[in-house]
Amino acid sequence: MKLAVYSPALNEAATVGSLLDSIPPNIGGITTLTKIVVDDGSSDGTAEIARRHGAEVVRHERNLGTGRAFMSGVQASIATGADIIVSIDADGQFSATDIPALIAPILRS
């Protein structure tokens, strides 16, 4: 199964790297993991930091808002051929280490 984890981000240079690094690289049942950051018009280097931490970046040249960032994340995830898509905020308010538990019921079905 292919997993895509996308993170909408606006000026999250301070947190996006650690978030990406905290996504578990090996999850049982997952053969491919793709990390995507939707940079929604950031001016602080969010996109560059995301790339350095292994993410594909979808960049909005200007801020289009949360809804459009989510849509871009889903579209980019589908384009990777993902079987499972997880969204996690780039500001670190959620723990990426919870992703295996979150997707476990899907993997069991």
PDB file of N, CA and C in Angstrom:
ATOM      1  N   MET A   1       0.842  -1.181   0.000  1.00  0.00           N
ATOM      2  CA  MET A   1       0.000   0.000   0.000  1.00  0.00           C
ATOM      3  C   MET A   1       0.889   1.245   0.000  1.00  0.00           C
ATOM      4  N   LYS A   2       0.422   2.237  -0.723  1.00  0.00           N
ATOM      5  CA  LYS A   2       1.140   3.503  -0.809  1.00  0.00           C
ATOM      6  C   LYS A   2       0.468   4.531   0.094  1.00  0.00           C
ATOM      7  N   LEU A   3       1.294   5.218   0.894  1.00  0.00           N
ATOM      8  CA  LEU A   3       0.820   6.240   1.814  1.00  0.00           C
ATOM      9  C   LEU A   3       1.382   7.585   1.399  1.00  0.00           C
ATOM     10  N   ALA A   4       0.508   8.590   1.320  1.00  0.00           N
ATOM     11  CA  ALA A   4       0.944   9.976   1.129  1.00  0.00           C
ATOM     12  C   ALA A   4       0.528  10.758   2.365  1.00  0.00           C
ATOM     13  N   VAL A   5       1.473  11.499   2.915  1.00  0.00           N
ATOM     14  CA  VAL A   5       1.207  12.376   4.046  1.00  0.00           C
ATOM     15  C   VAL A   5       1.449  13.797   3.558  1.00  0.00           C
ATOM     16  N   TYR A   6       0.400  14.604   3.592  1.00  0.00           N
ATOM     17  CA  TYR A   6       0.573  15.989   3.143  1.00  0.00           C
ATOM     18  C   TYR A   6       0.329  16.963   4.283  1.00  0.00           C
ATOM     19  N   SER A   7       1.051  18.094   4.183  1.00  0.00           N
ATOM     20  CA  SER A   7       0.987  19.121   5.218  1.00  0.00           C
ATOM     21  C   SER A   7       0.777  20.487   4.581  1.00  0.00           C
ATOM     22  N   PRO A   8      -0.392  21.090   4.791  1.00  0.00           N
ATOM     23  CA  PRO A   8      -0.564  22.475   4.366  1.00  0.00           C
ATOM     24  C   PRO A   8       0.311  23.360   5.254  1.00  0.00           C
ATOM     25  N   ALA A   9       0.970  24.341   4.671  1.00  0.00           N
ATOM     26  CA  ALA A   9       1.903  25.154   5.465  1.00  0.00           C
ATOM     27  C   ALA A   9       1.909  26.593   4.983  1.00  0.00           C
ATOM     28  N   LEU A  10       1.878  27.501   5.939  1.00  0.00           N
ATOM     29  CA  LEU A  10       2.053  28.922   5.666  1.00  0.00           C
ATOM     30  C   LEU A  10       3.036  29.453   6.703  1.00  0.00           C
ATOM     31  N   ASN A  11       4.217  29.789   6.238  1.00  0.00           N
ATOM     32  CA  ASN A  11       5.275  30.327   7.106  1.00  0.00           C
ATOM     33  C   ASN A  11       5.552  29.419   8.307  1.00  0.00           C
ATOM     34  N   GLU A  12       5.841  28.164   7.999  1.00  0.00           N
ATOM     35  CA  GLU A  12       6.126  27.157   9.028  1.00  0.00           C
ATOM     36  C   GLU A  12       7.583  26.685   8.975  1.00  0.00           C
ATOM     37  N   ALA A  13       8.491  27.560   8.565  1.00  0.00           N
ATOM     38  CA  ALA A  13       9.901  27.183   8.474  1.00  0.00           C
ATOM     39  C   ALA A  13      10.450  26.688   9.809  1.00  0.00           C
ATOM     40  N   ALA A  14       9.935  27.199  10.893  1.00  0.00           N
ATOM     41  CA  ALA A  14      10.443  26.817  12.217  1.00  0.00           C
ATOM     42  C   ALA A  14      10.039  25.403  12.617  1.00  0.00           C
ATOM     43  N   THR A  15       8.974  24.866  12.035  1.00  0.00           N
ATOM     44  CA  THR A  15       8.460  23.565  12.495  1.00  0.00           C
ATOM     45  C   THR A  15       8.379  22.486  11.421  1.00  0.00           C
ATOM     46  N   VAL A  16       8.361  22.863  10.153  1.00  0.00           N
ATOM     47  CA  VAL A  16       8.095  21.875   9.110  1.00  0.00           C
ATOM     48  C   VAL A  16       9.171  20.796   9.029  1.00  0.00           C
ATOM     49  N   GLY A  17      10.410  21.136   9.245  1.00  0.00           N
ATOM     50  CA  GLY A  17      11.487  20.145   9.180  1.00  0.00           C
ATOM     51  C   GLY A  17      11.350  19.076  10.242  1.00  0.00           C
ATOM     52  N   SER A  18      11.099  19.500  11.467  1.00  0.00           N
ATOM     53  CA  SER A  18      10.960  18.515  12.539  1.00  0.00           C
ATOM     54  C   SER A  18       9.698  17.677  12.355  1.00  0.00           C
ATOM     55  N   LEU A  19       8.634  18.278  11.844  1.00  0.00           N
ATOM     56  CA  LEU A  19       7.429  17.493  11.561  1.00  0.00           C
ATOM     57  C   LEU A  19       7.740  16.408  10.541  1.00  0.00           C
ATOM     58  N   LEU A  20       8.370  16.779   9.440  1.00  0.00           N
ATOM     59  CA  LEU A  20       8.687  15.803   8.389  1.00  0.00           C
ATOM     60  C   LEU A  20       9.600  14.700   8.915  1.00  0.00           C
ATOM     61  N   ASP A  21      10.566  15.076   9.732  1.00  0.00           N
ATOM     62  CA  ASP A  21      11.487  14.084  10.293  1.00  0.00           C
ATOM     63  C   ASP A  21      10.793  13.135  11.261  1.00  0.00           C
ATOM     64  N   SER A  22       9.675  13.571  11.846  1.00  0.00           N
ATOM     65  CA  SER A  22       8.986  12.730  12.829  1.00  0.00           C
ATOM     66  C   SER A  22       7.990  11.758  12.202  1.00  0.00           C
ATOM     67  N   ILE A  23       7.770  11.851  10.906  1.00  0.00           N
ATOM     68  CA  ILE A  23       6.886  10.893  10.234  1.00  0.00           C
ATOM     69  C   ILE A  23       7.614   9.557  10.190  1.00  0.00           C
ATOM     70  N   PRO A  24       7.016   8.508  10.751  1.00  0.00           N
ATOM     71  CA  PRO A  24       7.704   7.211  10.777  1.00  0.00           C
ATOM     72  C   PRO A  24       8.038   6.731   9.360  1.00  0.00           C
ATOM     73  N   PRO A  25       9.309   6.422   9.109  1.00  0.00           N
ATOM     74  CA  PRO A  25       9.707   6.027   7.754  1.00  0.00           C
ATOM     75  C   PRO A  25       9.292   4.606   7.387  1.00  0.00           C
ATOM     76  N   ASN A  26       9.127   3.751   8.375  1.00  0.00           N
ATOM     77  CA  ASN A  26       8.767   2.352   8.132  1.00  0.00           C
ATOM     78  C   ASN A  26       7.502   2.012   8.897  1.00  0.00           C
ATOM     79  N   ILE A  27       6.429   1.836   8.153  1.00  0.00           N
ATOM     80  CA  ILE A  27       5.147   1.485   8.742  1.00  0.00           C
ATOM     81  C   ILE A  27       4.741   0.149   8.130  1.00  0.00           C
ATOM     82  N   GLY A  28       4.483  -0.837   8.978  1.00  0.00           N
ATOM     83  CA  GLY A  28       4.097  -2.147   8.487  1.00  0.00           C
ATOM     84  C   GLY A  28       2.907  -2.068   7.551  1.00  0.00           C
ATOM     85  N   GLY A  29       3.019  -2.715   6.408  1.00  0.00           N
ATOM     86  CA  GLY A  29       1.951  -2.707   5.422  1.00  0.00           C
ATOM     87  C   GLY A  29       2.061  -1.593   4.401  1.00  0.00           C
ATOM     88  N   ILE A  30       2.962  -0.645   4.632  1.00  0.00           N
ATOM     89  CA  ILE A  30       3.163   0.464   3.697  1.00  0.00           C
ATOM     90  C   ILE A  30       4.435   0.203   2.899  1.00  0.00           C
ATOM     91  N   THR A  31       4.279   0.171   1.577  1.00  0.00           N
ATOM     92  CA  THR A  31       5.428  -0.079   0.710  1.00  0.00           C
ATOM     93  C   THR A  31       6.092   1.209   0.221  1.00  0.00           C
ATOM     94  N   THR A  32       5.297   2.278   0.127  1.00  0.00           N
ATOM     95  CA  THR A  32       5.813   3.555  -0.357  1.00  0.00           C
ATOM     96  C   THR A  32       5.238   4.675   0.497  1.00  0.00           C
ATOM     97  N   LEU A  33       6.113   5.541   0.966  1.00  0.00           N
ATOM     98  CA  LEU A  33       5.707   6.709   1.738  1.00  0.00           C
ATOM     99  C   LEU A  33       6.145   7.957   0.989  1.00  0.00           C
ATOM    100  N   THR A  34       5.198   8.841   0.726  1.00  0.00           N
ATOM    101  CA  THR A  34       5.494  10.115   0.086  1.00  0.00           C
ATOM    102  C   THR A  34       5.094  11.234   1.034  1.00  0.00           C
ATOM    103  N   LYS A  35       6.018  12.161   1.245  1.00  0.00           N
ATOM    104  CA  LYS A  35       5.747  13.335   2.075  1.00  0.00           C
ATOM    105  C   LYS A  35       5.563  14.531   1.141  1.00  0.00           C
ATOM    106  N   ILE A  36       4.473  15.268   1.354  1.00  0.00           N
ATOM    107  CA  ILE A  36       4.153  16.421   0.514  1.00  0.00           C
ATOM    108  C   ILE A  36       3.871  17.613   1.416  1.00  0.00           C
ATOM    109  N   VAL A  37       4.464  18.751   1.090  1.00  0.00           N
ATOM    110  CA  VAL A  37       4.159  19.993   1.781  1.00  0.00           C
ATOM    111  C   VAL A  37       3.523  20.936   0.768  1.00  0.00           C
ATOM    112  N   VAL A  38       2.366  21.454   1.125  1.00  0.00           N
ATOM    113  CA  VAL A  38       1.706  22.461   0.300  1.00  0.00           C
ATOM    114  C   VAL A  38       2.066  23.814   0.905  1.00  0.00           C
ATOM    115  N   ASP A  39       2.991  24.495   0.256  1.00  0.00           N
ATOM    116  CA  ASP A  39       3.456  25.804   0.719  1.00  0.00           C
ATOM    117  C   ASP A  39       2.494  26.849   0.171  1.00  0.00           C
ATOM    118  N   ASP A  40       1.656  27.371   1.043  1.00  0.00           N
ATOM    119  CA  ASP A  40       0.582  28.272   0.644  1.00  0.00           C
ATOM    120  C   ASP A  40       1.018  29.734   0.677  1.00  0.00           C
ATOM    121  N   GLY A  41       2.060  30.035  -0.110  1.00  0.00           N
ATOM    122  CA  GLY A  41       2.509  31.416  -0.233  1.00  0.00           C
ATOM    123  C   GLY A  41       3.447  31.893   0.859  1.00  0.00           C
ATOM    124  N   SER A  42       4.191  30.990   1.452  1.00  0.00           N
ATOM    125  CA  SER A  42       5.105  31.357   2.542  1.00  0.00           C
ATOM    126  C   SER A  42       6.195  32.315   2.076  1.00  0.00           C
ATOM    127  N   SER A  43       6.656  33.119   3.013  1.00  0.00           N
ATOM    128  CA  SER A  43       7.748  34.056   2.725  1.00  0.00           C
ATOM    129  C   SER A  43       8.971  33.783   3.593  1.00  0.00           C
ATOM    130  N   ASP A  44       8.976  32.623   4.275  1.00  0.00           N
ATOM    131  CA  ASP A  44      10.036  32.356   5.257  1.00  0.00           C
ATOM    132  C   ASP A  44      10.928  31.155   4.926  1.00  0.00           C
ATOM    133  N   GLY A  45      10.872  30.646   3.726  1.00  0.00           N
ATOM    134  CA  GLY A  45      11.721  29.519   3.376  1.00  0.00           C
ATOM    135  C   GLY A  45      11.129  28.160   3.690  1.00  0.00           C
ATOM    136  N   THR A  46       9.841  28.099   3.965  1.00  0.00           N
ATOM    137  CA  THR A  46       9.174  26.831   4.268  1.00  0.00           C
ATOM    138  C   THR A  46       9.443  25.789   3.182  1.00  0.00           C
ATOM    139  N   ALA A  47       9.302  26.158   1.920  1.00  0.00           N
ATOM    140  CA  ALA A  47       9.456  25.202   0.816  1.00  0.00           C
ATOM    141  C   ALA A  47      10.865  24.619   0.780  1.00  0.00           C
ATOM    142  N   GLU A  48      11.864  25.453   0.943  1.00  0.00           N
ATOM    143  CA  GLU A  48      13.247  24.988   0.879  1.00  0.00           C
ATOM    144  C   GLU A  48      13.543  24.013   2.015  1.00  0.00           C
ATOM    145  N   ILE A  49      13.075  24.341   3.197  1.00  0.00           N
ATOM    146  CA  ILE A  49      13.296  23.458   4.342  1.00  0.00           C
ATOM    147  C   ILE A  49      12.565  22.140   4.137  1.00  0.00           C
ATOM    148  N   ALA A  50      11.348  22.204   3.633  1.00  0.00           N
ATOM    149  CA  ALA A  50      10.582  20.976   3.370  1.00  0.00           C
ATOM    150  C   ALA A  50      11.322  20.076   2.397  1.00  0.00           C
ATOM    151  N   ARG A  51      11.866  20.634   1.338  1.00  0.00           N
ATOM    152  CA  ARG A  51      12.624  19.830   0.362  1.00  0.00           C
ATOM    153  C   ARG A  51      13.847  19.189   1.021  1.00  0.00           C
ATOM    154  N   ARG A  52      14.547  19.956   1.842  1.00  0.00           N
ATOM    155  CA  ARG A  52      15.734  19.415   2.519  1.00  0.00           C
ATOM    156  C   ARG A  52      15.387  18.265   3.452  1.00  0.00           C
ATOM    157  N   HIS A  53      14.145  18.198   3.907  1.00  0.00           N
ATOM    158  CA  HIS A  53      13.707  17.132   4.810  1.00  0.00           C
ATOM    159  C   HIS A  53      12.899  16.057   4.086  1.00  0.00           C
ATOM    160  N   GLY A  54      13.072  15.999   2.759  1.00  0.00           N
ATOM    161  CA  GLY A  54      12.531  14.883   1.986  1.00  0.00           C
ATOM    162  C   GLY A  54      11.128  15.012   1.450  1.00  0.00           C
ATOM    163  N   ALA A  55      10.575  16.200   1.473  1.00  0.00           N
ATOM    164  CA  ALA A  55       9.207  16.371   0.981  1.00  0.00           C
ATOM    165  C   ALA A  55       9.179  16.854  -0.462  1.00  0.00           C
ATOM    166  N   GLU A  56       8.149  16.398  -1.165  1.00  0.00           N
ATOM    167  CA  GLU A  56       7.790  17.031  -2.426  1.00  0.00           C
ATOM    168  C   GLU A  56       7.041  18.296  -2.042  1.00  0.00           C
ATOM    169  N   VAL A  57       7.216  19.365  -2.816  1.00  0.00           N
ATOM    170  CA  VAL A  57       6.576  20.626  -2.469  1.00  0.00           C
ATOM    171  C   VAL A  57       5.656  21.080  -3.590  1.00  0.00           C
ATOM    172  N   VAL A  58       4.428  21.403  -3.207  1.00  0.00           N
ATOM    173  CA  VAL A  58       3.479  22.074  -4.088  1.00  0.00           C
ATOM    174  C   VAL A  58       3.451  23.507  -3.596  1.00  0.00           C
ATOM    175  N   ARG A  59       3.774  24.430  -4.473  1.00  0.00           N
ATOM    176  CA  ARG A  59       3.899  25.830  -4.033  1.00  0.00           C
ATOM    177  C   ARG A  59       2.813  26.691  -4.640  1.00  0.00           C
ATOM    178  N   HIS A  60       2.077  27.383  -3.778  1.00  0.00           N
ATOM    179  CA  HIS A  60       1.173  28.444  -4.211  1.00  0.00           C
ATOM    180  C   HIS A  60       1.977  29.739  -4.153  1.00  0.00           C
ATOM    181  N   GLU A  61       2.029  30.456  -5.233  1.00  0.00           N
ATOM    182  CA  GLU A  61       2.813  31.694  -5.265  1.00  0.00           C
ATOM    183  C   GLU A  61       2.289  32.735  -4.279  1.00  0.00           C
ATOM    184  N   ARG A  62       0.986  32.690  -4.009  1.00  0.00           N
ATOM    185  CA  ARG A  62       0.402  33.580  -3.010  1.00  0.00           C
ATOM    186  C   ARG A  62      -0.531  32.752  -2.135  1.00  0.00           C
ATOM    187  N   ASN A  63      -0.848  33.269  -0.982  1.00  0.00           N
ATOM    188  CA  ASN A  63      -1.711  32.559  -0.043  1.00  0.00           C
ATOM    189  C   ASN A  63      -3.112  32.413  -0.633  1.00  0.00           C
ATOM    190  N   LEU A  64      -3.547  31.155  -0.765  1.00  0.00           N
ATOM    191  CA  LEU A  64      -4.871  30.866  -1.307  1.00  0.00           C
ATOM    192  C   LEU A  64      -5.837  30.384  -0.232  1.00  0.00           C
ATOM    193  N   GLY A  65      -5.337  30.177   0.964  1.00  0.00           N
ATOM    194  CA  GLY A  65      -6.183  29.785   2.073  1.00  0.00           C
ATOM    195  C   GLY A  65      -6.150  28.293   2.353  1.00  0.00           C
ATOM    196  N   THR A  66      -6.656  27.944   3.519  1.00  0.00           N
ATOM    197  CA  THR A  66      -6.611  26.570   4.005  1.00  0.00           C
ATOM    198  C   THR A  66      -7.327  25.600   3.083  1.00  0.00           C
ATOM    199  N   GLY A  67      -8.515  25.966   2.624  1.00  0.00           N
ATOM    200  CA  GLY A  67      -9.288  25.060   1.769  1.00  0.00           C
ATOM    201  C   GLY A  67      -8.545  24.705   0.501  1.00  0.00           C
ATOM    202  N   ARG A  68      -7.963  25.691  -0.160  1.00  0.00           N
ATOM    203  CA  ARG A  68      -7.224  25.420  -1.399  1.00  0.00           C
ATOM    204  C   ARG A  68      -5.952  24.628  -1.104  1.00  0.00           C
ATOM    205  N   ALA A  69      -5.302  24.895   0.017  1.00  0.00           N
ATOM    206  CA  ALA A  69      -4.108  24.131   0.384  1.00  0.00           C
ATOM    207  C   ALA A  69      -4.471  22.657   0.600  1.00  0.00           C
ATOM    208  N   PHE A  70      -5.604  22.413   1.245  1.00  0.00           N
ATOM    209  CA  PHE A  70      -6.047  21.028   1.434  1.00  0.00           C
ATOM    210  C   PHE A  70      -6.352  20.378   0.086  1.00  0.00           C
ATOM    211  N   MET A  71      -7.039  21.097  -0.793  1.00  0.00           N
ATOM    212  CA  MET A  71      -7.345  20.540  -2.123  1.00  0.00           C
ATOM    213  C   MET A  71      -6.067  20.207  -2.889  1.00  0.00           C
ATOM    214  N   SER A  72      -5.091  21.101  -2.837  1.00  0.00           N
ATOM    215  CA  SER A  72      -3.820  20.853  -3.531  1.00  0.00           C
ATOM    216  C   SER A  72      -3.109  19.647  -2.940  1.00  0.00           C
ATOM    217  N   GLY A  73      -3.187  19.484  -1.618  1.00  0.00           N
ATOM    218  CA  GLY A  73      -2.567  18.330  -0.968  1.00  0.00           C
ATOM    219  C   GLY A  73      -3.215  17.023  -1.379  1.00  0.00           C
ATOM    220  N   VAL A  74      -4.533  17.005  -1.442  1.00  0.00           N
ATOM    221  CA  VAL A  74      -5.238  15.795  -1.872  1.00  0.00           C
ATOM    222  C   VAL A  74      -4.914  15.489  -3.337  1.00  0.00           C
ATOM    223  N   GLN A  75      -4.947  16.497  -4.192  1.00  0.00           N
ATOM    224  CA  GLN A  75      -4.636  16.292  -5.607  1.00  0.00           C
ATOM    225  C   GLN A  75      -3.219  15.764  -5.794  1.00  0.00           C
ATOM    226  N   ALA A  76      -2.255  16.343  -5.081  1.00  0.00           N
ATOM    227  CA  ALA A  76      -0.870  15.888  -5.192  1.00  0.00           C
ATOM    228  C   ALA A  76      -0.724  14.464  -4.672  1.00  0.00           C
ATOM    229  N   SER A  77      -1.451  14.133  -3.612  1.00  0.00           N
ATOM    230  CA  SER A  77      -1.400  12.776  -3.050  1.00  0.00           C
ATOM    231  C   SER A  77      -1.975  11.762  -4.019  1.00  0.00           C
ATOM    232  N   ILE A  78      -3.098  12.093  -4.632  1.00  0.00           N
ATOM    233  CA  ILE A  78      -3.710  11.200  -5.625  1.00  0.00           C
ATOM    234  C   ILE A  78      -2.755  10.999  -6.796  1.00  0.00           C
ATOM    235  N   ALA A  79      -2.079  12.065  -7.196  1.00  0.00           N
ATOM    236  CA  ALA A  79      -1.144  11.977  -8.326  1.00  0.00           C
ATOM    237  C   ALA A  79       0.011  11.020  -8.054  1.00  0.00           C
ATOM    238  N   THR A  80       0.335  10.780  -6.783  1.00  0.00           N
ATOM    239  CA  THR A  80       1.411   9.838  -6.458  1.00  0.00           C
ATOM    240  C   THR A  80       0.933   8.392  -6.520  1.00  0.00           C
ATOM    241  N   GLY A  81      -0.389   8.200  -6.677  1.00  0.00           N
ATOM    242  CA  GLY A  81      -0.939   6.852  -6.671  1.00  0.00           C
ATOM    243  C   GLY A  81      -1.210   6.333  -5.275  1.00  0.00           C
ATOM    244  N   ALA A  82      -1.321   7.228  -4.314  1.00  0.00           N
ATOM    245  CA  ALA A  82      -1.520   6.827  -2.920  1.00  0.00           C
ATOM    246  C   ALA A  82      -2.813   6.047  -2.735  1.00  0.00           C
ATOM    247  N   ASP A  83      -2.709   4.997  -1.937  1.00  0.00           N
ATOM    248  CA  ASP A  83      -3.882   4.235  -1.512  1.00  0.00           C
ATOM    249  C   ASP A  83      -4.495   4.856  -0.263  1.00  0.00           C
ATOM    250  N   ILE A  84      -3.650   5.459   0.568  1.00  0.00           N
ATOM    251  CA  ILE A  84      -4.069   6.090   1.815  1.00  0.00           C
ATOM    252  C   ILE A  84      -3.474   7.500   1.827  1.00  0.00           C
ATOM    253  N   ILE A  85      -4.295   8.467   2.237  1.00  0.00           N
ATOM    254  CA  ILE A  85      -3.848   9.860   2.317  1.00  0.00           C
ATOM    255  C   ILE A  85      -4.097  10.360   3.735  1.00  0.00           C
ATOM    256  N   VAL A  86      -3.061  10.943   4.331  1.00  0.00           N
ATOM    257  CA  VAL A  86      -3.163  11.523   5.665  1.00  0.00           C
ATOM    258  C   VAL A  86      -2.750  12.988   5.569  1.00  0.00           C
ATOM    259  N   SER A  87      -3.521  13.847   6.199  1.00  0.00           N
ATOM    260  CA  SER A  87      -3.189  15.262   6.301  1.00  0.00           C
ATOM    261  C   SER A  87      -2.741  15.546   7.734  1.00  0.00           C
ATOM    262  N   ILE A  88      -1.661  16.297   7.859  1.00  0.00           N
ATOM    263  CA  ILE A  88      -1.190  16.693   9.188  1.00  0.00           C
ATOM    264  C   ILE A  88      -0.665  18.123   9.098  1.00  0.00           C
ATOM    265  N   ASP A  89      -1.079  18.960  10.021  1.00  0.00           N
ATOM    266  CA  ASP A  89      -0.658  20.356  10.005  1.00  0.00           C
ATOM    267  C   ASP A  89       0.853  20.469  10.188  1.00  0.00           C
ATOM    268  N   ALA A  90       1.433  21.430   9.503  1.00  0.00           N
ATOM    269  CA  ALA A  90       2.883  21.616   9.537  1.00  0.00           C
ATOM    270  C   ALA A  90       3.371  22.320  10.796  1.00  0.00           C
ATOM    271  N   ASP A  91       2.451  22.805  11.620  1.00  0.00           N
ATOM    272  CA  ASP A  91       2.878  23.550  12.805  1.00  0.00           C
ATOM    273  C   ASP A  91       3.190  22.664  14.003  1.00  0.00           C
ATOM    274  N   GLY A  92       3.044  21.355  13.854  1.00  0.00           N
ATOM    275  CA  GLY A  92       3.402  20.439  14.929  1.00  0.00           C
ATOM    276  C   GLY A  92       2.335  20.236  15.984  1.00  0.00           C
ATOM    277  N   GLN A  93       1.114  20.701  15.738  1.00  0.00           N
ATOM    278  CA  GLN A  93       0.073  20.550  16.756  1.00  0.00           C
ATOM    279  C   GLN A  93      -0.407  19.112  16.909  1.00  0.00           C
ATOM    280  N   PHE A  94      -0.126  18.278  15.896  1.00  0.00           N
ATOM    281  CA  PHE A  94      -0.448  16.857  15.978  1.00  0.00           C
ATOM    282  C   PHE A  94       0.845  16.067  15.911  1.00  0.00           C
ATOM    283  N   SER A  95       0.830  14.876  16.473  1.00  0.00           N
ATOM    284  CA  SER A  95       2.023  14.041  16.480  1.00  0.00           C
ATOM    285  C   SER A  95       2.028  13.100  15.277  1.00  0.00           C
ATOM    286  N   ALA A  96       3.045  13.215  14.450  1.00  0.00           N
ATOM    287  CA  ALA A  96       3.168  12.341  13.286  1.00  0.00           C
ATOM    288  C   ALA A  96       3.394  10.889  13.695  1.00  0.00           C
ATOM    289  N   THR A  97       3.838  10.675  14.912  1.00  0.00           N
ATOM    290  CA  THR A  97       4.044   9.297  15.374  1.00  0.00           C
ATOM    291  C   THR A  97       2.717   8.562  15.567  1.00  0.00           C
ATOM    292  N   ASP A  98       1.596   9.287  15.521  1.00  0.00           N
ATOM    293  CA  ASP A  98       0.273   8.662  15.606  1.00  0.00           C
ATOM    294  C   ASP A  98      -0.210   8.114  14.267  1.00  0.00           C
ATOM    295  N   ILE A  99       0.493   8.396  13.189  1.00  0.00           N
ATOM    296  CA  ILE A  99       0.041   7.967  11.862  1.00  0.00           C
ATOM    297  C   ILE A  99      -0.135   6.451  11.773  1.00  0.00           C
ATOM    298  N   PRO A 100       0.798   5.623  12.257  1.00  0.00           N
ATOM    299  CA  PRO A 100       0.578   4.170  12.153  1.00  0.00           C
ATOM    300  C   PRO A 100      -0.723   3.722  12.819  1.00  0.00           C
ATOM    301  N   ALA A 101      -1.027   4.242  13.997  1.00  0.00           N
ATOM    302  CA  ALA A 101      -2.284   3.880  14.670  1.00  0.00           C
ATOM    303  C   ALA A 101      -3.492   4.389  13.904  1.00  0.00           C
ATOM    304  N   LEU A 102      -3.367   5.556  13.310  1.00  0.00           N
ATOM    305  CA  LEU A 102      -4.460   6.144  12.553  1.00  0.00           C
ATOM    306  C   LEU A 102      -4.828   5.291  11.338  1.00  0.00           C
ATOM    307  N   ILE A 103      -3.823   4.780  10.643  1.00  0.00           N
ATOM    308  CA  ILE A 103      -4.097   4.027   9.418  1.00  0.00           C
ATOM    309  C   ILE A 103      -4.238   2.528   9.640  1.00  0.00           C
ATOM    310  N   ALA A 104      -3.968   2.059  10.858  1.00  0.00           N
ATOM    311  CA  ALA A 104      -4.042   0.616  11.143  1.00  0.00           C
ATOM    312  C   ALA A 104      -5.372  -0.010  10.758  1.00  0.00           C
ATOM    313  N   PRO A 105      -6.522   0.606  11.062  1.00  0.00           N
ATOM    314  CA  PRO A 105      -7.791  -0.029  10.665  1.00  0.00           C
ATOM    315  C   PRO A 105      -7.933  -0.166   9.148  1.00  0.00           C
ATOM    316  N   ILE A 106      -7.384   0.762   8.410  1.00  0.00           N
ATOM    317  CA  ILE A 106      -7.449   0.682   6.948  1.00  0.00           C
ATOM    318  C   ILE A 106      -6.585  -0.471   6.460  1.00  0.00           C
ATOM    319  N   LEU A 107      -5.414  -0.617   7.045  1.00  0.00           N
ATOM    320  CA  LEU A 107      -4.508  -1.688   6.635  1.00  0.00           C
ATOM    321  C   LEU A 107      -5.062  -3.070   6.980  1.00  0.00           C
ATOM    322  N   ARG A 108      -5.863  -3.145   8.054  1.00  0.00           N
ATOM    323  CA  ARG A 108      -6.455  -4.427   8.441  1.00  0.00           C
ATOM    324  C   ARG A 108      -7.624  -4.841   7.556  1.00  0.00           C
ATOM    325  N   SER A 109      -8.251  -3.880   6.901  1.00  0.00           N
ATOM    326  CA  SER A 109      -9.458  -4.207   6.125  1.00  0.00           C
ATOM    327  C   SER A 109      -9.150  -4.816   4.778  1.00  0.00           C
TER     328      SER A 109
END
